N, C-alpha and C. Protein backbone atom coordinates (compact mmCIF):
# COMPACT_ATOMS: atom_id res chain seq x y z
N MET A 1 8.22 -30.50 9.29
CA MET A 1 6.85 -30.87 9.58
C MET A 1 5.93 -29.69 9.24
N THR A 2 4.95 -29.96 8.41
CA THR A 2 4.02 -28.93 7.99
C THR A 2 2.76 -28.97 8.86
N LEU A 3 2.47 -27.85 9.46
CA LEU A 3 1.27 -27.74 10.29
C LEU A 3 0.11 -27.19 9.47
N PRO A 4 -1.13 -27.51 9.87
CA PRO A 4 -2.26 -26.88 9.18
C PRO A 4 -2.25 -25.38 9.45
N PRO A 5 -2.85 -24.60 8.56
CA PRO A 5 -2.86 -23.15 8.75
C PRO A 5 -3.59 -22.74 10.03
N ASN A 6 -3.09 -21.71 10.66
CA ASN A 6 -3.72 -21.18 11.87
C ASN A 6 -4.98 -20.42 11.46
N PRO A 7 -6.15 -20.81 11.99
CA PRO A 7 -7.40 -20.15 11.57
C PRO A 7 -7.45 -18.66 11.91
N ASP A 8 -6.81 -18.27 13.02
CA ASP A 8 -6.79 -16.84 13.37
C ASP A 8 -5.98 -16.05 12.34
N LEU A 9 -4.82 -16.57 11.96
CA LEU A 9 -4.00 -15.88 10.96
C LEU A 9 -4.71 -15.86 9.60
N MET A 10 -5.43 -16.94 9.28
CA MET A 10 -6.18 -16.99 8.02
C MET A 10 -7.23 -15.88 7.99
N ARG A 11 -7.90 -15.68 9.12
CA ARG A 11 -8.93 -14.63 9.19
C ARG A 11 -8.30 -13.24 9.14
N ILE A 12 -7.23 -13.03 9.91
CA ILE A 12 -6.60 -11.71 10.00
C ILE A 12 -6.04 -11.28 8.65
N PHE A 13 -5.35 -12.19 7.95
CA PHE A 13 -4.68 -11.82 6.70
C PHE A 13 -5.43 -12.28 5.46
N ASP A 14 -6.64 -12.79 5.63
CA ASP A 14 -7.53 -13.16 4.53
C ASP A 14 -6.86 -14.08 3.51
N PHE A 15 -6.52 -15.28 3.96
CA PHE A 15 -6.01 -16.28 3.03
C PHE A 15 -6.64 -17.63 3.35
N THR A 16 -6.58 -18.53 2.40
CA THR A 16 -7.15 -19.86 2.57
C THR A 16 -6.02 -20.89 2.67
N ALA A 17 -6.39 -22.12 2.99
CA ALA A 17 -5.40 -23.20 3.05
C ALA A 17 -4.76 -23.40 1.67
N ALA A 18 -5.57 -23.27 0.62
CA ALA A 18 -5.03 -23.41 -0.75
C ALA A 18 -4.05 -22.28 -1.07
N ASP A 19 -4.36 -21.07 -0.59
CA ASP A 19 -3.43 -19.94 -0.79
C ASP A 19 -2.09 -20.24 -0.11
N LEU A 20 -2.15 -20.74 1.13
CA LEU A 20 -0.93 -21.04 1.88
C LEU A 20 -0.12 -22.12 1.18
N GLU A 21 -0.79 -23.15 0.67
CA GLU A 21 -0.08 -24.21 -0.06
C GLU A 21 0.63 -23.65 -1.29
N ALA A 22 -0.06 -22.79 -2.03
CA ALA A 22 0.57 -22.16 -3.21
C ALA A 22 1.76 -21.31 -2.78
N ASN A 23 1.60 -20.57 -1.69
CA ASN A 23 2.69 -19.72 -1.20
C ASN A 23 3.88 -20.55 -0.71
N ARG A 24 3.60 -21.69 -0.09
CA ARG A 24 4.70 -22.59 0.32
C ARG A 24 5.50 -23.07 -0.88
N ALA A 25 4.82 -23.19 -2.02
CA ALA A 25 5.50 -23.55 -3.27
C ALA A 25 6.10 -22.32 -3.94
N LYS A 26 6.11 -21.21 -3.22
CA LYS A 26 6.67 -19.92 -3.66
C LYS A 26 5.95 -19.34 -4.89
N THR A 27 4.64 -19.58 -4.96
CA THR A 27 3.83 -18.99 -6.02
C THR A 27 2.65 -18.23 -5.42
N ILE A 28 2.08 -17.33 -6.21
CA ILE A 28 0.89 -16.58 -5.81
C ILE A 28 -0.32 -17.35 -6.33
N SER A 29 -1.28 -17.63 -5.46
CA SER A 29 -2.47 -18.39 -5.88
C SER A 29 -3.33 -17.55 -6.82
N GLU A 30 -4.23 -18.22 -7.53
CA GLU A 30 -5.13 -17.50 -8.44
C GLU A 30 -6.02 -16.52 -7.67
N ARG A 31 -6.49 -16.93 -6.50
CA ARG A 31 -7.33 -16.06 -5.68
C ARG A 31 -6.56 -14.82 -5.25
N GLN A 32 -5.31 -14.99 -4.85
CA GLN A 32 -4.49 -13.86 -4.43
C GLN A 32 -4.18 -12.95 -5.62
N ALA A 33 -3.94 -13.53 -6.80
CA ALA A 33 -3.68 -12.72 -7.99
C ALA A 33 -4.91 -11.88 -8.32
N LYS A 34 -6.10 -12.47 -8.19
CA LYS A 34 -7.33 -11.73 -8.44
C LYS A 34 -7.48 -10.58 -7.45
N THR A 35 -7.18 -10.83 -6.17
CA THR A 35 -7.26 -9.78 -5.14
C THR A 35 -6.27 -8.65 -5.44
N LEU A 36 -5.05 -9.00 -5.82
CA LEU A 36 -4.04 -7.98 -6.15
C LEU A 36 -4.49 -7.14 -7.34
N LYS A 37 -5.11 -7.78 -8.34
CA LYS A 37 -5.62 -7.03 -9.50
C LYS A 37 -6.73 -6.07 -9.07
N GLN A 38 -7.63 -6.53 -8.19
CA GLN A 38 -8.72 -5.67 -7.73
C GLN A 38 -8.19 -4.48 -6.94
N GLU A 39 -7.20 -4.71 -6.09
CA GLU A 39 -6.59 -3.61 -5.34
C GLU A 39 -5.92 -2.63 -6.28
N SER A 40 -5.29 -3.15 -7.32
CA SER A 40 -4.63 -2.30 -8.30
C SER A 40 -5.64 -1.43 -9.03
N VAL A 41 -6.78 -2.01 -9.38
CA VAL A 41 -7.84 -1.25 -10.06
C VAL A 41 -8.38 -0.16 -9.14
N ALA A 42 -8.61 -0.49 -7.87
CA ALA A 42 -9.12 0.51 -6.91
C ALA A 42 -8.13 1.66 -6.75
N ASP A 43 -6.85 1.34 -6.67
CA ASP A 43 -5.82 2.38 -6.55
C ASP A 43 -5.78 3.23 -7.82
N ARG A 44 -5.91 2.58 -8.96
CA ARG A 44 -5.90 3.30 -10.24
C ARG A 44 -7.06 4.29 -10.31
N ILE A 45 -8.24 3.87 -9.87
CA ILE A 45 -9.41 4.75 -9.90
C ILE A 45 -9.19 5.94 -8.97
N ALA A 46 -8.67 5.70 -7.77
CA ALA A 46 -8.43 6.79 -6.81
C ALA A 46 -7.42 7.79 -7.35
N VAL A 47 -6.34 7.30 -7.93
CA VAL A 47 -5.31 8.22 -8.45
C VAL A 47 -5.84 8.97 -9.67
N ARG A 48 -6.57 8.30 -10.53
CA ARG A 48 -7.14 8.99 -11.70
C ARG A 48 -8.11 10.08 -11.26
N PHE A 49 -8.90 9.81 -10.23
CA PHE A 49 -9.82 10.82 -9.71
C PHE A 49 -9.04 12.01 -9.17
N ALA A 50 -7.96 11.74 -8.42
CA ALA A 50 -7.14 12.83 -7.88
C ALA A 50 -6.51 13.65 -9.01
N ILE A 51 -6.05 12.98 -10.05
CA ILE A 51 -5.47 13.70 -11.19
C ILE A 51 -6.54 14.53 -11.89
N PHE A 52 -7.75 13.96 -12.05
CA PHE A 52 -8.85 14.68 -12.69
C PHE A 52 -9.20 15.94 -11.90
N VAL A 53 -9.34 15.80 -10.58
CA VAL A 53 -9.64 16.96 -9.73
C VAL A 53 -8.51 17.98 -9.81
N GLY A 54 -7.27 17.49 -9.80
CA GLY A 54 -6.11 18.38 -9.91
C GLY A 54 -6.11 19.15 -11.22
N LEU A 55 -6.48 18.47 -12.31
CA LEU A 55 -6.55 19.16 -13.61
C LEU A 55 -7.63 20.23 -13.61
N ILE A 56 -8.76 19.94 -12.99
CA ILE A 56 -9.83 20.95 -12.90
C ILE A 56 -9.33 22.16 -12.11
N ILE A 57 -8.69 21.91 -10.97
CA ILE A 57 -8.16 23.02 -10.17
C ILE A 57 -7.10 23.78 -10.95
N ALA A 58 -6.22 23.05 -11.65
CA ALA A 58 -5.19 23.70 -12.46
C ALA A 58 -5.82 24.56 -13.55
N GLY A 59 -6.89 24.06 -14.15
CA GLY A 59 -7.59 24.83 -15.18
C GLY A 59 -8.20 26.10 -14.61
N ILE A 60 -8.80 26.00 -13.45
CA ILE A 60 -9.39 27.18 -12.80
C ILE A 60 -8.31 28.19 -12.46
N VAL A 61 -7.19 27.71 -11.89
CA VAL A 61 -6.09 28.62 -11.55
C VAL A 61 -5.50 29.24 -12.82
N GLY A 62 -5.32 28.42 -13.85
CA GLY A 62 -4.80 28.93 -15.13
C GLY A 62 -5.72 29.97 -15.73
N PHE A 63 -7.03 29.72 -15.68
CA PHE A 63 -8.00 30.68 -16.19
C PHE A 63 -7.90 31.99 -15.40
N GLY A 64 -7.76 31.86 -14.07
CA GLY A 64 -7.63 33.06 -13.23
C GLY A 64 -6.39 33.86 -13.56
N ILE A 65 -5.30 33.17 -13.86
CA ILE A 65 -4.05 33.86 -14.21
C ILE A 65 -4.20 34.60 -15.54
N ILE A 66 -4.89 33.97 -16.49
CA ILE A 66 -5.09 34.60 -17.81
C ILE A 66 -6.04 35.79 -17.70
N VAL A 67 -7.16 35.61 -17.00
CA VAL A 67 -8.16 36.67 -16.88
C VAL A 67 -7.66 37.80 -15.99
N PHE A 68 -6.97 37.45 -14.94
CA PHE A 68 -6.46 38.46 -13.99
C PHE A 68 -4.93 38.37 -13.93
N PRO A 69 -4.24 38.77 -15.00
CA PRO A 69 -2.78 38.62 -15.01
C PRO A 69 -2.09 39.43 -13.91
N GLN A 70 -2.71 40.48 -13.45
CA GLN A 70 -2.13 41.30 -12.39
C GLN A 70 -2.57 40.82 -11.02
N GLY A 71 -3.40 39.79 -10.99
CA GLY A 71 -3.93 39.32 -9.72
C GLY A 71 -5.13 40.16 -9.33
N VAL A 72 -5.69 39.90 -8.21
CA VAL A 72 -6.86 40.64 -7.74
C VAL A 72 -6.45 41.60 -6.63
N THR A 73 -5.23 42.09 -6.69
CA THR A 73 -4.70 42.95 -5.63
C THR A 73 -4.68 44.41 -6.05
N GLY A 74 -5.60 44.80 -6.91
CA GLY A 74 -5.69 46.21 -7.29
C GLY A 74 -4.58 46.67 -8.21
N GLY A 75 -4.17 45.83 -9.16
CA GLY A 75 -3.17 46.25 -10.14
C GLY A 75 -1.75 45.88 -9.77
N LYS A 76 -1.49 45.45 -8.55
CA LYS A 76 -0.15 45.03 -8.16
C LYS A 76 0.07 43.60 -8.64
N THR A 77 1.27 43.30 -9.05
CA THR A 77 1.59 41.94 -9.51
C THR A 77 1.53 40.98 -8.33
N SER A 78 0.87 39.86 -8.53
CA SER A 78 0.70 38.87 -7.46
C SER A 78 1.35 37.55 -7.87
N PRO A 79 2.40 37.13 -7.17
CA PRO A 79 3.06 35.87 -7.53
C PRO A 79 2.29 34.63 -7.08
N GLU A 80 1.23 34.80 -6.29
CA GLU A 80 0.51 33.64 -5.78
C GLU A 80 -0.06 32.78 -6.90
N GLY A 81 -0.52 33.42 -7.97
CA GLY A 81 -1.10 32.68 -9.08
C GLY A 81 -0.11 31.72 -9.70
N SER A 82 1.09 32.19 -10.01
CA SER A 82 2.07 31.31 -10.64
C SER A 82 2.61 30.28 -9.66
N VAL A 83 2.72 30.64 -8.39
CA VAL A 83 3.17 29.67 -7.39
C VAL A 83 2.13 28.56 -7.26
N SER A 84 0.85 28.91 -7.25
CA SER A 84 -0.21 27.92 -7.17
C SER A 84 -0.17 26.99 -8.38
N TRP A 85 0.02 27.58 -9.54
CA TRP A 85 0.08 26.81 -10.78
C TRP A 85 1.22 25.80 -10.73
N ILE A 86 2.39 26.23 -10.28
CA ILE A 86 3.56 25.34 -10.20
C ILE A 86 3.31 24.25 -9.16
N ALA A 87 2.74 24.60 -8.02
CA ALA A 87 2.47 23.61 -6.97
C ALA A 87 1.49 22.54 -7.46
N ILE A 88 0.46 22.96 -8.14
CA ILE A 88 -0.53 22.00 -8.66
C ILE A 88 0.12 21.10 -9.70
N ALA A 89 0.94 21.67 -10.56
CA ALA A 89 1.63 20.87 -11.58
C ALA A 89 2.54 19.83 -10.93
N LEU A 90 3.27 20.22 -9.90
CA LEU A 90 4.16 19.29 -9.20
C LEU A 90 3.38 18.17 -8.52
N ILE A 91 2.25 18.52 -7.92
CA ILE A 91 1.41 17.50 -7.28
C ILE A 91 0.89 16.51 -8.31
N LEU A 92 0.46 17.00 -9.46
CA LEU A 92 -0.04 16.12 -10.52
C LEU A 92 1.07 15.20 -11.02
N VAL A 93 2.27 15.73 -11.20
CA VAL A 93 3.39 14.90 -11.65
C VAL A 93 3.69 13.82 -10.60
N PHE A 94 3.72 14.21 -9.32
CA PHE A 94 3.97 13.24 -8.25
C PHE A 94 2.90 12.14 -8.25
N LEU A 95 1.63 12.50 -8.35
CA LEU A 95 0.55 11.50 -8.36
C LEU A 95 0.69 10.55 -9.55
N PHE A 96 1.02 11.10 -10.70
CA PHE A 96 1.17 10.26 -11.88
C PHE A 96 2.34 9.29 -11.71
N LEU A 97 3.47 9.77 -11.20
CA LEU A 97 4.63 8.90 -11.01
C LEU A 97 4.34 7.82 -9.97
N ARG A 98 3.62 8.16 -8.91
CA ARG A 98 3.24 7.17 -7.90
C ARG A 98 2.33 6.11 -8.52
N TYR A 99 1.40 6.56 -9.31
CA TYR A 99 0.47 5.66 -9.99
C TYR A 99 1.23 4.68 -10.89
N ARG A 100 2.15 5.20 -11.69
CA ARG A 100 2.91 4.35 -12.61
C ARG A 100 3.81 3.37 -11.85
N SER A 101 4.43 3.82 -10.79
CA SER A 101 5.31 2.96 -10.00
C SER A 101 4.52 1.82 -9.37
N ASN A 102 3.38 2.13 -8.80
CA ASN A 102 2.54 1.11 -8.18
C ASN A 102 2.03 0.12 -9.23
N GLN A 103 1.63 0.63 -10.39
CA GLN A 103 1.14 -0.23 -11.45
C GLN A 103 2.24 -1.19 -11.91
N ARG A 104 3.45 -0.66 -12.10
CA ARG A 104 4.57 -1.48 -12.54
C ARG A 104 4.89 -2.57 -11.52
N SER A 105 4.90 -2.20 -10.25
CA SER A 105 5.22 -3.17 -9.19
C SER A 105 4.17 -4.27 -9.10
N THR A 106 2.90 -3.90 -9.11
CA THR A 106 1.83 -4.89 -9.03
C THR A 106 1.86 -5.79 -10.26
N HIS A 107 2.03 -5.19 -11.44
CA HIS A 107 2.08 -5.96 -12.68
C HIS A 107 3.26 -6.94 -12.64
N SER A 108 4.39 -6.49 -12.12
CA SER A 108 5.58 -7.33 -12.03
C SER A 108 5.32 -8.54 -11.13
N ASP A 109 4.69 -8.32 -9.97
CA ASP A 109 4.37 -9.43 -9.07
C ASP A 109 3.41 -10.41 -9.73
N LEU A 110 2.41 -9.90 -10.42
CA LEU A 110 1.42 -10.77 -11.06
C LEU A 110 2.05 -11.52 -12.23
N GLU A 111 2.91 -10.86 -12.98
CA GLU A 111 3.54 -11.49 -14.13
C GLU A 111 4.46 -12.62 -13.70
N ARG A 112 5.24 -12.38 -12.66
CA ARG A 112 6.17 -13.41 -12.18
C ARG A 112 5.43 -14.52 -11.45
N GLY A 113 4.36 -14.14 -10.72
CA GLY A 113 3.59 -15.14 -9.98
C GLY A 113 4.37 -15.77 -8.84
N ARG A 114 5.42 -15.14 -8.39
CA ARG A 114 6.28 -15.67 -7.34
C ARG A 114 5.99 -15.00 -6.01
N ALA A 115 6.02 -15.79 -4.96
CA ALA A 115 5.84 -15.27 -3.61
C ALA A 115 7.20 -15.27 -2.91
N GLY A 116 7.49 -14.17 -2.22
CA GLY A 116 8.69 -14.12 -1.40
C GLY A 116 8.39 -14.72 -0.04
N MET A 117 9.45 -15.00 0.72
CA MET A 117 9.26 -15.59 2.04
C MET A 117 10.30 -15.04 2.99
N VAL A 118 9.86 -14.77 4.23
CA VAL A 118 10.76 -14.31 5.28
C VAL A 118 10.35 -14.99 6.58
N GLU A 119 11.33 -15.32 7.42
CA GLU A 119 11.05 -15.98 8.69
C GLU A 119 11.68 -15.20 9.84
N GLY A 120 11.01 -15.23 10.98
CA GLY A 120 11.57 -14.59 12.17
C GLY A 120 10.50 -14.21 13.16
N ILE A 121 10.93 -13.48 14.19
CA ILE A 121 10.01 -12.98 15.21
C ILE A 121 9.34 -11.72 14.67
N ALA A 122 8.03 -11.65 14.81
CA ALA A 122 7.27 -10.50 14.29
C ALA A 122 7.20 -9.40 15.34
N THR A 123 7.40 -8.18 14.88
CA THR A 123 7.15 -7.00 15.71
C THR A 123 6.12 -6.15 14.97
N TRP A 124 5.40 -5.34 15.71
CA TRP A 124 4.39 -4.49 15.09
C TRP A 124 4.48 -3.12 15.70
N GLN A 125 4.24 -2.12 14.89
CA GLN A 125 4.31 -0.75 15.40
C GLN A 125 3.42 0.18 14.59
N ARG A 126 2.99 1.22 15.28
CA ARG A 126 2.23 2.30 14.67
C ARG A 126 3.20 3.46 14.51
N VAL A 127 3.31 3.98 13.30
CA VAL A 127 4.23 5.08 13.02
C VAL A 127 3.41 6.29 12.62
N ILE A 128 3.72 7.45 13.20
CA ILE A 128 3.03 8.68 12.81
C ILE A 128 3.80 9.31 11.67
N LYS A 129 3.10 9.54 10.55
CA LYS A 129 3.72 10.16 9.38
C LYS A 129 2.74 11.19 8.84
N GLN A 130 3.13 12.42 8.87
CA GLN A 130 2.30 13.53 8.37
C GLN A 130 0.91 13.50 9.01
N LYS A 131 0.87 13.42 10.32
CA LYS A 131 -0.36 13.45 11.12
C LYS A 131 -1.26 12.23 10.92
N ASN A 132 -0.77 11.21 10.23
CA ASN A 132 -1.53 9.98 10.04
C ASN A 132 -0.74 8.81 10.59
N TYR A 133 -1.45 7.77 10.99
CA TYR A 133 -0.77 6.57 11.45
C TYR A 133 -0.52 5.64 10.27
N ILE A 134 0.65 5.03 10.28
CA ILE A 134 0.98 3.96 9.34
C ILE A 134 1.19 2.72 10.20
N TYR A 135 0.54 1.64 9.85
CA TYR A 135 0.60 0.41 10.63
C TYR A 135 1.54 -0.56 9.94
N GLN A 136 2.51 -1.08 10.71
CA GLN A 136 3.55 -1.92 10.13
C GLN A 136 3.77 -3.18 10.95
N ILE A 137 4.09 -4.25 10.23
CA ILE A 137 4.53 -5.50 10.83
C ILE A 137 5.91 -5.78 10.24
N THR A 138 6.87 -6.09 11.10
CA THR A 138 8.24 -6.32 10.64
C THR A 138 8.69 -7.72 11.07
N VAL A 139 9.30 -8.44 10.14
CA VAL A 139 9.88 -9.75 10.42
C VAL A 139 11.25 -9.79 9.76
N ASP A 140 12.27 -10.07 10.55
CA ASP A 140 13.64 -10.20 10.07
C ASP A 140 14.07 -9.02 9.19
N GLY A 141 13.71 -7.82 9.62
CA GLY A 141 14.12 -6.61 8.91
C GLY A 141 13.24 -6.23 7.72
N LYS A 142 12.29 -7.07 7.35
CA LYS A 142 11.38 -6.78 6.23
C LYS A 142 10.10 -6.19 6.81
N THR A 143 9.76 -4.97 6.37
CA THR A 143 8.60 -4.26 6.91
C THR A 143 7.43 -4.31 5.92
N PHE A 144 6.26 -4.59 6.46
CA PHE A 144 5.03 -4.67 5.66
C PHE A 144 4.03 -3.67 6.22
N ARG A 145 3.50 -2.83 5.35
CA ARG A 145 2.41 -1.93 5.77
C ARG A 145 1.11 -2.70 5.68
N VAL A 146 0.27 -2.52 6.71
CA VAL A 146 -1.02 -3.20 6.75
C VAL A 146 -2.11 -2.20 7.09
N GLU A 147 -3.33 -2.60 6.82
CA GLU A 147 -4.48 -1.76 7.17
C GLU A 147 -4.66 -1.74 8.68
N LYS A 148 -5.35 -0.72 9.16
CA LYS A 148 -5.56 -0.55 10.60
C LYS A 148 -6.23 -1.76 11.23
N GLN A 149 -7.31 -2.27 10.61
CA GLN A 149 -8.03 -3.39 11.20
C GLN A 149 -7.18 -4.66 11.22
N THR A 150 -6.33 -4.85 10.21
CA THR A 150 -5.41 -5.99 10.19
C THR A 150 -4.41 -5.85 11.33
N PHE A 151 -3.88 -4.65 11.49
CA PHE A 151 -2.91 -4.37 12.55
C PHE A 151 -3.52 -4.66 13.92
N ARG A 152 -4.72 -4.15 14.16
CA ARG A 152 -5.38 -4.34 15.47
C ARG A 152 -5.64 -5.82 15.75
N ALA A 153 -6.10 -6.54 14.72
CA ALA A 153 -6.38 -7.97 14.90
C ALA A 153 -5.08 -8.74 15.17
N PHE A 154 -4.01 -8.39 14.47
CA PHE A 154 -2.72 -9.06 14.69
C PHE A 154 -2.18 -8.73 16.08
N GLU A 155 -2.34 -7.48 16.48
CA GLU A 155 -1.90 -7.05 17.81
C GLU A 155 -2.62 -7.86 18.90
N ALA A 156 -3.93 -8.02 18.76
CA ALA A 156 -4.72 -8.81 19.72
C ALA A 156 -4.28 -10.28 19.69
N PHE A 157 -4.03 -10.80 18.51
CA PHE A 157 -3.56 -12.18 18.35
C PHE A 157 -2.23 -12.37 19.08
N MET A 158 -1.32 -11.43 18.93
CA MET A 158 0.00 -11.52 19.55
C MET A 158 -0.08 -11.38 21.07
N GLU A 159 -1.03 -10.60 21.56
CA GLU A 159 -1.19 -10.46 23.01
C GLU A 159 -1.62 -11.78 23.63
N LEU A 160 -2.41 -12.57 22.89
CA LEU A 160 -2.87 -13.86 23.38
C LEU A 160 -1.80 -14.95 23.24
N LYS A 161 -0.97 -14.81 22.22
CA LYS A 161 0.08 -15.80 21.95
C LYS A 161 1.39 -15.35 22.58
N ASN A 162 2.37 -16.22 22.52
CA ASN A 162 3.70 -15.86 22.98
C ASN A 162 4.30 -14.87 21.98
N LYS A 163 4.70 -13.72 22.46
CA LYS A 163 5.22 -12.67 21.58
C LYS A 163 6.52 -13.08 20.89
N SER A 164 7.14 -14.14 21.36
CA SER A 164 8.40 -14.56 20.73
C SER A 164 8.19 -15.71 19.74
N SER A 165 6.95 -15.92 19.30
CA SER A 165 6.69 -16.95 18.30
C SER A 165 7.42 -16.61 17.01
N LEU A 166 7.89 -17.66 16.34
CA LEU A 166 8.53 -17.47 15.04
C LEU A 166 7.46 -17.59 13.96
N PHE A 167 7.54 -16.71 12.97
CA PHE A 167 6.57 -16.70 11.88
C PHE A 167 7.28 -16.86 10.54
N ARG A 168 6.55 -17.43 9.61
CA ARG A 168 6.98 -17.46 8.21
C ARG A 168 5.93 -16.66 7.45
N ILE A 169 6.39 -15.59 6.81
CA ILE A 169 5.48 -14.73 6.06
C ILE A 169 5.76 -14.90 4.57
N TYR A 170 4.70 -15.12 3.81
CA TYR A 170 4.79 -15.16 2.35
C TYR A 170 4.22 -13.84 1.85
N PHE A 171 4.88 -13.23 0.87
CA PHE A 171 4.48 -11.90 0.44
C PHE A 171 4.72 -11.69 -1.05
N ALA A 172 4.03 -10.69 -1.60
CA ALA A 172 4.27 -10.25 -2.98
C ALA A 172 5.52 -9.37 -2.94
N PRO A 173 6.62 -9.79 -3.58
CA PRO A 173 7.92 -9.12 -3.39
C PRO A 173 7.97 -7.65 -3.78
N GLU A 174 7.43 -7.27 -4.91
CA GLU A 174 7.57 -5.88 -5.39
C GLU A 174 6.77 -4.89 -4.56
N ILE A 175 5.58 -5.29 -4.12
CA ILE A 175 4.74 -4.36 -3.37
C ILE A 175 4.74 -4.64 -1.87
N SER A 176 5.49 -5.66 -1.45
CA SER A 176 5.62 -6.01 -0.02
C SER A 176 4.26 -6.14 0.66
N ARG A 177 3.37 -6.89 0.04
CA ARG A 177 2.05 -7.14 0.61
C ARG A 177 2.02 -8.57 1.14
N ILE A 178 1.58 -8.73 2.39
CA ILE A 178 1.50 -10.05 3.00
C ILE A 178 0.42 -10.87 2.30
N LEU A 179 0.81 -12.07 1.83
CA LEU A 179 -0.14 -12.98 1.19
C LEU A 179 -0.68 -14.00 2.20
N SER A 180 0.23 -14.55 3.01
CA SER A 180 -0.17 -15.50 4.05
C SER A 180 0.92 -15.56 5.11
N MET A 181 0.58 -16.19 6.22
CA MET A 181 1.51 -16.25 7.35
C MET A 181 1.26 -17.53 8.12
N GLU A 182 2.33 -18.11 8.64
CA GLU A 182 2.17 -19.29 9.48
C GLU A 182 3.16 -19.24 10.64
N ILE A 183 2.79 -19.92 11.72
CA ILE A 183 3.67 -20.02 12.88
C ILE A 183 4.62 -21.18 12.63
N ILE A 184 5.91 -20.94 12.88
CA ILE A 184 6.92 -21.99 12.70
C ILE A 184 7.00 -22.78 14.01
N PRO A 185 6.82 -24.10 13.93
CA PRO A 185 6.91 -24.90 15.16
C PRO A 185 8.32 -24.86 15.73
N GLN A 186 8.41 -24.78 17.06
CA GLN A 186 9.72 -24.71 17.71
C GLN A 186 10.04 -25.98 18.43
């Protein structure tokens, strides 16, 4: 028996009835594909900006090493310059690899156009990682990272509902992004 979409879940996870129908057919709707592309573009811009700033810093450090090969320590050799140069290079390589991995995963989801599905009892948790919170929703061992406002809204929704409700979550498989969610009738 198929129930109509829950309006609270539609608001929290930003999907429409048409999106849910497409996801039930195990496909990504056109609207969801457009959203995934926009998120990919925003991520691409942020990473490119970080790489650009990193290159500027690397150039400044490189210039300092060339102009002051002995460092600014009164003629004594200073390893800080080369350590800084190596650290900046490693950060740039890491950012580039992260960018490429995310691009490949998003492109793969969009190319396949397939939605994954998982069912079970939902749990939610805030995880501290490097002094920042990561907000997660887990169903049947599959963990999804969500934005803070999504997490808070889902947490409030669960406080009002029975915490042992069964959910069916449709998601983009490669990037593990929730596309839509429905309560499974018991």
